[in-house]
């Protein structure tokens, strides 16, 4: 539920940014702006690139996660000087100015759509959990790393508690001071979801991104590979990466049948599917005991079960999502990749 609400918020945010900001893409043209990227690339990079720039060595400490620095240069958002200072290009500044107000704007839409009380309760329940998480987390989900694991954080992030973390630089001190009570809704959702993923991945042979999206829908009888984007809500590219991990670990077998590729679980895969589901349930029970998450679950259920959640996903006619097939579901865990940080791995 955390994933689906975060993905819904992000897609609505991205659709609005794409509609307003001159940009370019491979399949949908455009030459007037930088390459189109998602909310995560603002949260892990551009929000920290001020008018005076930021040193490359400091960016990761500020963001508390890694960014795709080479990509952001290649896509036209930043330049990196010989002095190591990252500066926004003219197009990067334009994009940053378009991104900044969208967090509040989309949340106000949600207040109108779902009711101010519902969003306030969701915020309060998320804060109640984040206030008790003993690790410092970024404002967005990290770009998934090797094996599609979520722990792509800076060294000053997930492995050190708030109480023990040294204040290394002035930049780190600013980052701590700037932690607002009114964090964007997307940041609150991301932090809680990431804390859950880190706990899951400490005890699992698979990442939560693979277990919750791909492994969840497979079975021992087999299903067409071409149907996976539709039933998982994530892109072909991210599924290909996930499938490679599962094949390497002998969790699935991919076979050809009537000129179509079929994927099915091995016995090991069936066991791991059961174990992953059981672990998710166990962590939920732990969180109930540790954090008292009844209010959070109730708030999430309220939004996930509201038909209006999908109404905000409708793209503008000029958006790239308007020309692609709509999936049957939203991802059960965001597939944030180096390709641009889109929540479904697009």
Protein backbone atom coordinates (compact mmCIF):
# COMPACT_ATOMS: atom_id res chain seq x y z
CA UNK A 1 0.00 0.00 0.00
CA UNK A 2 2.88 2.37 0.74
CA UNK A 3 4.29 1.56 -2.70
CA UNK A 4 1.09 2.07 -4.62
CA UNK A 5 0.33 5.41 -2.98
CA UNK A 6 3.90 6.63 -3.52
CA UNK A 7 3.85 5.52 -7.16
CA UNK A 8 0.47 7.21 -7.71
CA UNK A 9 1.77 10.47 -6.24
CA UNK A 10 4.96 10.26 -8.30
CA UNK A 11 3.23 9.55 -11.61
CA UNK A 12 0.84 12.46 -11.08
CA UNK A 13 3.82 14.67 -10.17
CA UNK A 14 5.80 13.47 -13.21
CA UNK A 15 2.87 13.95 -15.57
CA UNK A 16 2.51 17.56 -14.46
CA UNK A 17 6.23 18.25 -14.77
CA UNK A 18 6.33 16.71 -18.24
CA UNK A 19 3.32 18.79 -19.34
CA UNK A 20 4.87 22.07 -18.16
CA UNK A 21 8.58 21.62 -18.79
CA UNK A 22 10.19 21.70 -22.27
CA UNK A 23 12.02 18.38 -22.55
CA UNK A 24 13.07 15.61 -24.91
CA UNK A 25 12.67 11.81 -25.02
CA UNK A 26 13.63 9.04 -27.43
CA UNK A 27 10.19 7.94 -28.54
CA UNK A 28 8.19 11.12 -28.09
CA UNK A 29 10.44 13.78 -29.56
CA UNK A 30 11.16 17.24 -28.24
CA UNK A 31 14.39 19.21 -28.44
CA UNK A 32 13.76 22.30 -26.33
CA UNK A 33 14.82 21.04 -22.92
CA UNK A 34 16.75 18.40 -20.98
CA UNK A 35 16.06 14.68 -21.10
CA UNK A 36 12.89 13.83 -19.20
CA UNK A 37 13.46 12.34 -15.72
CA UNK A 38 11.33 11.59 -12.68
CA UNK A 39 10.79 13.04 -9.20
CA UNK A 40 13.65 10.99 -7.71
CA UNK A 41 16.24 12.88 -9.75
CA UNK A 42 15.12 16.16 -8.21
CA UNK A 43 15.11 14.63 -4.72
CA UNK A 44 18.54 12.99 -4.94
CA UNK A 45 20.27 15.70 -6.97
CA UNK A 46 18.70 18.93 -8.20
CA UNK A 47 17.19 20.11 -4.93
CA UNK A 48 20.72 20.39 -3.52
CA UNK A 49 22.26 22.20 -6.50
CA UNK A 50 21.71 25.81 -5.43
CA UNK A 51 22.72 29.02 -7.16
CA UNK A 52 26.33 28.61 -6.02
CA UNK A 53 26.38 24.90 -6.83
CA UNK A 54 27.44 22.08 -4.56
CA UNK A 55 30.69 20.12 -4.37
CA UNK A 56 30.45 16.66 -5.87
CA UNK A 57 31.84 15.12 -2.68
CA UNK A 58 29.14 16.83 -0.62
CA UNK A 59 26.09 15.99 -2.73
CA UNK A 60 25.84 12.39 -1.55
CA UNK A 61 25.99 13.42 2.11
CA UNK A 62 23.25 15.97 1.57
CA UNK A 63 21.02 13.60 -0.38
CA UNK A 64 21.86 10.59 1.82
CA UNK A 65 21.80 8.46 -1.31
CA UNK A 66 23.59 8.18 -4.62
CA UNK A 67 22.44 9.94 -7.77
CA UNK A 68 23.14 9.17 -11.42
CA UNK A 69 25.65 11.99 -11.76
CA UNK A 70 26.84 10.97 -15.21
CA UNK A 71 23.27 10.74 -16.38
CA UNK A 72 22.31 14.15 -15.00
CA UNK A 73 25.29 15.64 -16.88
CA UNK A 74 24.48 13.79 -20.09
CA UNK A 75 20.79 14.67 -19.86
CA UNK A 76 21.54 18.39 -19.64
CA UNK A 77 20.69 19.27 -16.02
CA UNK A 78 24.15 19.92 -14.57
CA UNK A 79 27.79 20.53 -15.36
CA UNK A 80 30.72 19.59 -13.13
CA UNK A 81 33.62 22.03 -13.11
CA UNK A 82 37.31 21.28 -12.74
CA UNK A 83 36.92 22.49 -9.15
CA UNK A 84 34.48 19.64 -8.49
CA UNK A 85 31.52 21.98 -8.11
CA UNK A 86 28.22 20.78 -9.59
CA UNK A 87 26.26 23.64 -11.13
CA UNK A 88 22.84 23.68 -12.74
CA UNK A 89 22.63 24.45 -16.43
CA UNK A 90 20.07 27.00 -17.64
CA UNK A 91 17.75 24.09 -18.47
CA UNK A 92 18.50 22.50 -15.11
CA UNK A 93 17.52 25.71 -13.31
CA UNK A 94 14.30 25.85 -15.33
CA UNK A 95 13.51 22.25 -14.38
CA UNK A 96 14.32 22.88 -10.71
CA UNK A 97 11.95 25.87 -10.65
CA UNK A 98 9.20 23.74 -12.17
CA UNK A 99 9.76 20.86 -9.73
CA UNK A 100 9.84 22.80 -6.46
CA UNK A 101 6.19 23.91 -6.23
CA UNK A 102 4.78 20.62 -7.51
CA UNK A 103 5.12 18.80 -4.17
CA UNK A 104 2.68 21.19 -2.49
CA UNK A 105 0.50 21.48 -5.58
CA UNK A 106 -0.06 17.73 -5.95
CA UNK A 107 -0.65 17.33 -2.22
CA UNK A 108 -3.30 20.06 -2.33
CA UNK A 109 -4.97 18.18 -5.16
CA UNK A 110 -4.97 15.09 -2.97
CA UNK A 111 -6.49 17.04 -0.09
CA UNK A 112 -9.29 18.11 -2.38
CA UNK A 113 -9.68 14.63 -3.88
CA UNK A 114 -9.53 12.53 -0.72
CA UNK A 115 -10.34 15.10 1.95
CA UNK A 116 -7.99 17.25 4.03
CA UNK A 117 -8.58 15.09 7.11
CA UNK A 118 -7.57 11.91 5.28
CA UNK A 119 -4.28 13.39 4.09
CA UNK A 120 -3.61 14.93 7.51
CA UNK A 121 -4.13 11.54 9.16
CA UNK A 122 -1.82 9.91 6.63
CA UNK A 123 0.85 12.53 7.29
CA UNK A 124 0.53 12.13 11.06
CA UNK A 125 0.75 8.33 10.88
CA UNK A 126 3.81 8.47 8.60
CA UNK A 127 5.52 11.00 10.89
CA UNK A 128 4.83 8.77 13.88
CA UNK A 129 6.85 6.00 12.20
CA UNK A 130 9.63 8.13 10.69
CA UNK A 131 10.16 9.82 14.05
CA UNK A 132 11.10 6.45 15.53
CA UNK A 133 13.24 5.12 12.68
CA UNK A 134 16.79 5.18 13.99
CA UNK A 135 18.57 5.68 10.67
CA UNK A 136 18.81 8.74 8.48
CA UNK A 137 17.09 8.18 5.16
CA UNK A 138 16.80 10.19 1.94
CA UNK A 139 13.76 12.08 0.67
CA UNK A 140 13.19 9.51 -2.08
CA UNK A 141 13.78 5.85 -2.74
CA UNK A 142 17.35 5.13 -3.84
CA UNK A 143 18.22 4.11 -7.37
CA UNK A 144 18.18 0.32 -7.15
CA UNK A 145 21.65 -1.17 -7.10
CA UNK A 146 23.12 -4.56 -8.00
CA UNK A 147 20.48 -7.26 -7.60
CA UNK A 148 17.87 -4.46 -7.47
CA UNK A 149 18.54 -3.97 -3.77
CA UNK A 150 17.33 -0.75 -2.18
CA UNK A 151 20.37 -0.05 -0.02
CA UNK A 152 22.03 2.32 -2.50
CA UNK A 153 22.67 4.89 0.22
CA UNK A 154 25.56 7.10 1.19
CA UNK A 155 27.94 5.83 3.87
CA UNK A 156 26.49 8.45 6.19
CA UNK A 157 22.99 7.10 5.65
CA UNK A 158 21.45 3.78 6.58
CA UNK A 159 24.29 2.15 8.51
CA UNK A 160 24.62 4.89 11.11
CA UNK A 161 22.05 5.93 13.65
CA UNK A 162 20.99 9.54 14.19
CA UNK A 163 22.52 9.48 17.64
CA UNK A 164 25.93 8.20 16.54
CA UNK A 165 26.39 9.90 13.19
CA UNK A 166 29.33 12.34 13.18
CA UNK A 167 28.82 15.77 11.65
CA UNK A 168 31.53 15.56 8.99
CA UNK A 169 31.05 18.77 7.05
CA UNK A 170 29.15 22.01 7.01
CA UNK A 171 27.06 20.48 4.27
CA UNK A 172 26.03 17.63 6.55
CA UNK A 173 25.13 20.10 9.27
CA UNK A 174 22.96 22.06 6.85
CA UNK A 175 21.23 18.89 5.76
CA UNK A 176 20.39 18.03 9.37
CA UNK A 177 19.18 21.54 10.12
CA UNK A 178 16.99 21.63 7.01
CA UNK A 179 14.96 18.54 7.95
CA UNK A 180 11.50 20.14 8.07
CA UNK A 181 8.45 18.97 9.95
CA UNK A 182 6.47 19.50 6.75
CA UNK A 183 8.46 17.13 4.53
CA UNK A 184 6.75 16.43 1.23
CA UNK A 185 4.27 13.57 1.38
CA UNK A 186 6.40 11.68 -1.13
CA UNK A 187 9.42 11.93 1.21
CA UNK A 188 7.46 10.61 4.20
CA UNK A 189 6.14 7.69 2.16
CA UNK A 190 9.61 6.98 0.76
CA UNK A 191 11.31 6.92 4.14
CA UNK A 192 8.84 4.52 5.71
CA UNK A 193 8.87 2.26 2.66
CA UNK A 194 12.66 2.29 2.46
CA UNK A 195 12.98 1.39 6.15
CA UNK A 196 10.68 -1.58 5.50
CA UNK A 197 12.73 -2.63 2.45
CA UNK A 198 16.03 -2.44 4.34
CA UNK A 199 14.63 -4.66 7.10
CA UNK A 200 13.30 -7.13 4.53
CA UNK A 201 16.55 -7.27 2.60
CA UNK A 202 18.61 -7.97 5.73
CA UNK A 203 16.81 -11.30 6.01
CA UNK A 204 15.99 -12.21 2.42
CA UNK A 205 17.92 -13.77 -0.46
CA UNK A 206 16.12 -11.35 -2.80
CA UNK A 207 15.47 -7.64 -2.94
CA UNK A 208 12.00 -6.43 -2.05
CA UNK A 209 11.71 -4.95 -5.56
CA UNK A 210 12.03 -8.42 -7.09
CA UNK A 211 10.04 -10.28 -4.45
CA UNK A 212 7.10 -7.88 -4.38
CA UNK A 213 6.82 -7.33 -8.13
CA UNK A 214 8.03 -10.28 -10.17
CA UNK A 215 8.30 -13.24 -7.77
CA UNK A 216 4.84 -12.46 -6.37
CA UNK A 217 2.99 -13.06 -9.68
CA UNK A 218 4.83 -16.18 -10.89
CA UNK A 219 3.75 -19.80 -10.48
CA UNK A 220 4.98 -23.30 -11.22
CA UNK A 221 2.69 -23.74 -14.25
CA UNK A 222 4.26 -20.86 -16.14
CA UNK A 223 3.10 -17.60 -17.67
CA UNK A 224 4.03 -15.64 -20.80
CA UNK A 225 6.91 -13.23 -20.30
CA UNK A 226 5.12 -10.68 -22.49
CA UNK A 227 2.27 -10.47 -19.92
CA UNK A 228 4.52 -9.55 -17.00
CA UNK A 229 4.53 -5.74 -17.49
CA UNK A 230 0.74 -5.76 -17.47
CA UNK A 231 0.32 -7.79 -14.28
CA UNK A 232 3.22 -6.27 -12.33
CA UNK A 233 2.89 -2.62 -13.37
CA UNK A 234 6.64 -2.32 -14.02
CA UNK A 235 8.58 -1.88 -17.25
CA UNK A 236 10.03 -4.55 -19.53
CA UNK A 237 13.52 -3.22 -18.81
CA UNK A 238 13.21 -3.59 -15.04
CA UNK A 239 11.61 -7.03 -15.42
CA UNK A 240 14.51 -8.12 -17.62
CA UNK A 241 16.93 -7.14 -14.87
CA UNK A 242 14.85 -8.95 -12.25
CA UNK A 243 14.52 -12.04 -14.44
CA UNK A 244 18.28 -12.19 -14.82
CA UNK A 245 18.67 -12.34 -11.04
CA UNK A 246 16.02 -15.06 -10.68
CA UNK A 247 17.52 -17.18 -13.47
CA UNK A 248 21.02 -16.87 -12.03
CA UNK A 249 19.75 -18.08 -8.65
CA UNK A 250 17.79 -20.95 -10.28
CA UNK A 251 14.53 -19.54 -8.97
CA UNK A 252 12.83 -19.52 -12.39
CA UNK A 253 13.15 -21.32 -15.70
CA UNK A 254 12.42 -19.52 -18.98
CA UNK A 255 11.31 -21.78 -21.83
CA UNK A 256 10.06 -21.31 -25.39
CA UNK A 257 6.55 -22.51 -26.17
CA UNK A 258 4.70 -21.85 -29.45
CA UNK A 259 7.12 -19.04 -30.30
CA UNK A 260 6.48 -17.38 -26.92
CA UNK A 261 8.72 -17.25 -23.88
CA UNK A 262 7.22 -18.80 -20.74
CA UNK A 263 8.60 -18.30 -17.22
CA UNK A 264 7.82 -20.65 -14.37
CA UNK A 265 8.98 -21.09 -10.82
CA UNK A 266 11.29 -23.92 -9.84
CA UNK A 267 10.73 -25.76 -6.57
CA UNK A 268 13.29 -23.43 -5.02
CA UNK A 269 11.33 -20.51 -6.44
CA UNK A 270 8.06 -21.72 -4.91
CA UNK A 271 9.74 -22.07 -1.53
CA UNK A 272 11.27 -18.61 -1.82
CA UNK A 273 7.93 -17.11 -2.87
CA UNK A 274 6.32 -18.53 0.27
CA UNK A 275 9.23 -17.39 2.43
CA UNK A 276 9.10 -13.85 1.02
CA UNK A 277 5.39 -13.54 1.75
CA UNK A 278 5.90 -14.88 5.26
CA UNK A 279 8.77 -12.44 5.90
CA UNK A 280 6.68 -9.46 4.77
CA UNK A 281 3.95 -10.57 7.18
CA UNK A 282 6.47 -11.02 9.99
CA UNK A 283 7.90 -7.53 9.49
CA UNK A 284 4.40 -6.05 9.50
CA UNK A 285 3.74 -7.73 12.87
CA UNK A 286 7.06 -6.47 14.23
CA UNK A 287 6.20 -2.94 13.12
CA UNK A 288 2.82 -3.21 14.76
CA UNK A 289 4.56 -4.05 18.03
CA UNK A 290 7.41 -1.56 17.57
CA UNK A 291 5.60 1.44 16.08
CA UNK A 292 1.89 0.79 16.58
CA UNK A 293 0.97 0.98 12.89
CA UNK A 294 -2.82 0.58 13.05
CA UNK A 295 -3.38 4.23 12.17
CA UNK A 296 -0.93 4.01 9.27
CA UNK A 297 -2.61 0.89 7.86
CA UNK A 298 -6.04 2.46 8.18
CA UNK A 299 -4.87 5.63 6.40
CA UNK A 300 -3.23 3.67 3.59
CA UNK A 301 -6.26 1.44 3.10
CA UNK A 302 -8.47 4.50 2.86
CA UNK A 303 -6.51 5.81 -0.14
CA UNK A 304 -5.68 2.51 -1.86
CA UNK A 305 -9.35 1.48 -1.89
CA UNK A 306 -10.55 4.86 -3.14
CA UNK A 307 -11.33 4.79 -6.90
CA UNK A 308 -10.12 8.39 -7.05
CA UNK A 309 -6.53 7.21 -6.59
CA UNK A 310 -6.41 6.15 -10.24
CA UNK A 311 -8.10 9.30 -11.48
CA UNK A 312 -4.92 11.25 -10.81
CA UNK A 313 -2.93 8.88 -13.03
CA UNK A 314 -4.62 10.01 -16.23
CA UNK A 315 -1.88 11.63 -18.33
CA UNK A 316 -2.18 14.73 -20.46
CA UNK A 317 -2.61 13.91 -24.17
CA UNK A 318 0.96 15.11 -24.82
CA UNK A 319 2.48 12.92 -22.06
CA UNK A 320 4.39 9.80 -23.05
CA UNK A 321 2.19 7.68 -20.79
CA UNK A 322 -0.84 8.59 -22.92
CA UNK A 323 0.54 6.51 -25.79
CA UNK A 324 1.46 3.32 -23.92
CA UNK A 325 -0.65 0.45 -22.61
CA UNK A 326 -1.94 0.93 -19.09
CA UNK A 327 -0.96 -1.79 -16.59
CA UNK A 328 -3.55 -3.59 -14.50
CA UNK A 329 -1.91 -2.55 -11.25
CA UNK A 330 0.60 -0.15 -9.76
CA UNK A 331 3.97 -1.59 -8.71
CA UNK A 332 4.05 -3.34 -5.36
CA UNK A 333 7.50 -1.82 -4.91
CA UNK A 334 8.84 1.10 -6.98
CA UNK A 335 11.46 0.18 -9.59
CA UNK A 336 13.63 3.30 -9.42
CA UNK A 337 16.39 2.74 -11.96
CA UNK A 338 19.40 4.69 -13.26
CA UNK A 339 17.39 5.27 -16.47
CA UNK A 340 15.74 8.37 -15.01
CA UNK A 341 14.27 7.34 -11.69
CA UNK A 342 10.71 6.62 -12.87
CA UNK A 343 8.77 4.62 -10.25
CA UNK A 344 7.86 1.80 -12.65
CA UNK A 345 11.32 1.47 -14.18
CA UNK A 346 10.28 3.13 -17.47
